[in-house]
Amino acid sequence: MTTDPTTDTHASTAAYGDDHHSDVFPPFDPATFPSQLLWLAITFAALYVLMSKLALPKVGQTLEKRQAAIDADLAAADADRQKTDAAIAAYEKALAEARSRAQGIAAETRDAIQADLAGKRNAAEADLTAKVTAAEARIAQTKAEALTHVDEIAAETAQAVVGQLIGDVSADSVRAGVAKVKG
């Protein structure tokens, strides 16, 4: 005689007096809904209290710290930007002043060089004018001396030529003839 093992199991459970046994999964059994809803409410309330008293304040503090750090970093960045802007403005101002001074120095140097060149040119022109005047005076003197000698040379030459052509002629008569031709 063979016995079915499933029948033995059912028989043994029935022996314990399980009168409320049903074939429905216990969480879906409508008879257990009120107790399940009670435990759900208790668990939710406990979890809510734990979260609101322990976890959420820590998360809030962390968020506040992060926001404070971000605000501090933004304030520092803004202060650095303002310092940088001020430094750039100061640099541009200094650069403009330096350019202005450089242009002023260049203009002064150019004017000084032109004045120096003008002075040197005037001095050179005055020196050349003095040399030209002195040379013209020497030329005029040499010409005057030469002209005084020309009359004598002309008279001597005429006396020699006339003396060869006609014979001896007096020096006074030759000088009178050269003066007559000259004037």
Protein backbone atom coordinates (compact mmCIF):
# COMPACT_ATOMS: atom_id res chain seq x y z
CA MET A 1 0.00 0.00 0.00
CA THR A 2 1.33 3.17 -1.11
CA THR A 3 0.25 6.32 0.38
CA ASP A 4 0.26 9.71 -1.29
CA PRO A 5 2.61 12.09 0.52
CA THR A 6 0.41 15.12 -0.14
CA THR A 7 -2.50 13.56 1.60
CA ASP A 8 -0.41 12.93 4.64
CA THR A 9 0.66 16.58 4.76
CA HIS A 10 -2.92 17.80 4.48
CA ALA A 11 -4.00 15.43 7.08
CA SER A 12 -1.29 16.55 9.47
CA THR A 13 -2.15 20.24 9.02
CA ALA A 14 -5.78 19.54 9.52
CA ALA A 15 -4.86 17.83 12.70
CA TYR A 16 -3.52 21.06 14.18
CA GLY A 17 -6.92 22.68 13.91
CA ASP A 18 -6.37 25.25 11.17
CA ASP A 19 -9.95 26.36 10.69
CA HIS A 20 -9.11 29.70 8.94
CA HIS A 21 -7.02 28.28 6.21
CA SER A 22 -7.72 29.72 2.80
CA ASP A 23 -6.14 29.37 -0.58
CA VAL A 24 -5.45 33.14 -0.97
CA PHE A 25 -1.95 34.72 -0.60
CA PRO A 26 -2.00 36.37 2.86
CA PRO A 27 -1.21 39.97 1.77
CA PHE A 28 -4.10 39.79 -0.65
CA ASP A 29 -6.49 38.26 1.84
CA PRO A 30 -9.25 40.81 2.60
CA ALA A 31 -9.43 39.53 6.15
CA THR A 32 -5.87 40.84 6.86
CA PHE A 33 -6.30 44.32 5.27
CA PRO A 34 -7.07 46.17 8.51
CA SER A 35 -3.97 44.87 10.28
CA GLN A 36 -1.83 45.51 7.18
CA LEU A 37 -3.10 49.08 6.92
CA LEU A 38 -2.40 49.62 10.64
CA TRP A 39 1.18 48.39 10.31
CA LEU A 40 1.63 50.45 7.12
CA ALA A 41 0.51 53.60 8.99
CA ILE A 42 2.78 52.83 11.98
CA THR A 43 5.78 52.11 9.72
CA PHE A 44 5.14 55.20 7.62
CA ALA A 45 4.82 57.39 10.72
CA ALA A 46 8.05 55.94 12.21
CA LEU A 47 9.90 56.37 8.91
CA TYR A 48 8.53 59.92 8.60
CA VAL A 49 9.67 60.80 12.12
CA LEU A 50 13.10 59.26 11.53
CA MET A 51 13.52 61.07 8.20
CA SER A 52 12.27 64.43 9.48
CA LYS A 53 14.28 64.32 12.74
CA LEU A 54 17.51 62.66 11.62
CA ALA A 55 18.13 62.39 7.89
CA LEU A 56 16.45 65.48 6.47
CA PRO A 57 18.14 67.95 8.89
CA LYS A 58 21.53 66.51 7.93
CA VAL A 59 20.69 66.80 4.24
CA GLY A 60 19.44 70.36 4.86
CA GLN A 61 22.63 71.26 6.71
CA THR A 62 24.72 69.81 3.90
CA LEU A 63 22.73 71.78 1.33
CA GLU A 64 23.08 74.97 3.41
CA LYS A 65 26.84 74.41 3.76
CA ARG A 66 27.16 73.85 0.03
CA GLN A 67 25.06 76.93 -0.73
CA ALA A 68 27.14 78.99 1.70
CA ALA A 69 30.35 77.69 0.08
CA ILE A 70 28.98 78.46 -3.38
CA ASP A 71 27.92 81.95 -2.27
CA ALA A 72 31.34 82.55 -0.71
CA ASP A 73 33.08 81.33 -3.87
CA LEU A 74 30.87 83.55 -6.02
CA ALA A 75 31.56 86.55 -3.77
CA ALA A 76 35.31 85.84 -3.91
CA ALA A 77 35.15 85.45 -7.69
CA ASP A 78 33.25 88.73 -7.98
CA ALA A 79 35.80 90.47 -5.73
CA ASP A 80 38.64 89.02 -7.82
CA ARG A 81 36.89 90.14 -11.01
CA GLN A 82 36.53 93.66 -9.60
CA LYS A 83 40.21 93.67 -8.62
CA THR A 84 41.13 92.43 -12.09
CA ASP A 85 38.98 95.10 -13.72
CA ALA A 86 40.59 97.76 -11.52
CA ALA A 87 44.06 96.43 -12.35
CA ILE A 88 43.25 96.44 -16.07
CA ALA A 89 41.94 100.01 -15.84
CA ALA A 90 45.06 101.09 -13.93
CA TYR A 91 47.27 99.34 -16.48
CA GLU A 92 45.49 100.99 -19.40
CA LYS A 93 45.73 104.38 -17.68
CA ALA A 94 49.44 103.90 -16.99
CA LEU A 95 49.98 102.75 -20.57
CA ALA A 96 48.17 105.82 -21.92
CA GLU A 97 50.24 108.09 -19.64
CA ALA A 98 53.44 106.36 -20.74
CA ARG A 99 52.51 106.78 -24.39
CA SER A 100 51.71 110.45 -23.77
CA ARG A 101 55.03 110.97 -21.99
CA ALA A 102 56.88 109.11 -24.76
CA GLN A 103 55.24 111.31 -27.39
CA GLY A 104 56.12 114.42 -25.34
CA ILE A 105 59.73 113.29 -24.97
CA ALA A 106 59.90 112.47 -28.68
CA ALA A 107 58.50 115.92 -29.56
CA GLU A 108 60.95 117.64 -27.18
CA THR A 109 63.85 115.63 -28.59
CA ARG A 110 62.77 116.34 -32.17
CA ASP A 111 62.46 120.08 -31.39
CA ALA A 112 65.86 120.09 -29.65
CA ILE A 113 67.49 118.29 -32.58
CA GLN A 114 65.86 120.65 -35.09
CA ALA A 115 66.96 123.67 -33.04
CA ASP A 116 70.49 122.25 -32.79
CA LEU A 117 70.55 121.55 -36.54
CA ALA A 118 69.20 125.04 -37.26
CA GLY A 119 71.90 126.56 -35.03
CA LYS A 120 74.63 124.48 -36.67
CA ARG A 121 73.25 125.32 -40.14
CA ASN A 122 73.15 129.03 -39.28
CA ALA A 123 76.68 128.83 -37.90
CA ALA A 124 77.88 126.98 -41.00
CA GLU A 125 76.09 129.48 -43.27
CA ALA A 126 77.61 132.38 -41.34
CA ASP A 127 81.04 130.76 -41.55
CA LEU A 128 80.61 130.15 -45.28
CA THR A 129 79.33 133.68 -45.78
CA ALA A 130 82.37 135.03 -43.93
CA LYS A 131 84.70 132.82 -45.97
CA VAL A 132 82.99 133.84 -49.23
CA THR A 133 83.19 137.50 -48.25
CA ALA A 134 86.85 137.14 -47.33
CA ALA A 135 87.54 135.26 -50.57
CA GLU A 136 85.70 137.89 -52.59
CA ALA A 137 87.73 140.58 -50.82
CA ARG A 138 90.97 138.74 -51.60
CA ILE A 139 89.85 138.26 -55.20
CA ALA A 140 88.96 141.92 -55.48
CA GLN A 141 92.31 142.90 -53.96
CA THR A 142 94.18 140.49 -56.21
CA LYS A 143 92.19 141.79 -59.20
CA ALA A 144 92.94 145.38 -58.22
CA GLU A 145 96.61 144.53 -57.80
CA ALA A 146 96.55 142.64 -61.07
CA LEU A 147 94.88 145.55 -62.83
CA THR A 148 97.54 147.89 -61.55
CA HIS A 149 100.16 145.56 -62.90
CA VAL A 150 98.28 145.11 -66.17
CA ASP A 151 98.93 148.70 -67.08
CA GLU A 152 102.63 148.26 -66.42
CA ILE A 153 102.73 144.92 -68.23
CA ALA A 154 100.77 146.39 -71.15
CA ALA A 155 103.09 149.39 -71.24
CA GLU A 156 106.19 147.18 -71.13
CA THR A 157 104.78 144.86 -73.78
CA ALA A 158 103.76 147.79 -76.01
CA GLN A 159 107.16 149.42 -75.56
CA ALA A 160 108.89 146.16 -76.53
CA VAL A 161 106.67 145.64 -79.59
CA VAL A 162 106.91 149.27 -80.72
CA GLY A 163 110.62 149.24 -79.98
CA GLN A 164 111.12 146.31 -82.35
CA LEU A 165 108.90 147.83 -84.97
CA ILE A 166 110.01 151.45 -84.87
CA GLY A 167 112.86 151.69 -82.50
CA ASP A 168 113.23 153.04 -79.00
CA VAL A 169 110.23 154.84 -77.53
CA SER A 170 110.08 156.58 -74.19
CA ALA A 171 108.29 154.77 -71.37
CA ASP A 172 106.13 157.84 -70.59
CA SER A 173 104.76 158.06 -74.11
CA VAL A 174 103.91 154.32 -74.12
CA ARG A 175 102.12 154.67 -70.77
CA ALA A 176 100.16 157.63 -72.09
CA GLY A 177 99.14 155.61 -75.18
CA VAL A 178 98.05 152.57 -73.07
CA ALA A 179 96.04 154.88 -70.77
CA LYS A 180 94.41 156.45 -73.80
CA VAL A 181 93.41 153.02 -75.22
CA LYS A 182 92.25 151.79 -71.83
CA GLY A 183 90.01 154.66 -70.94
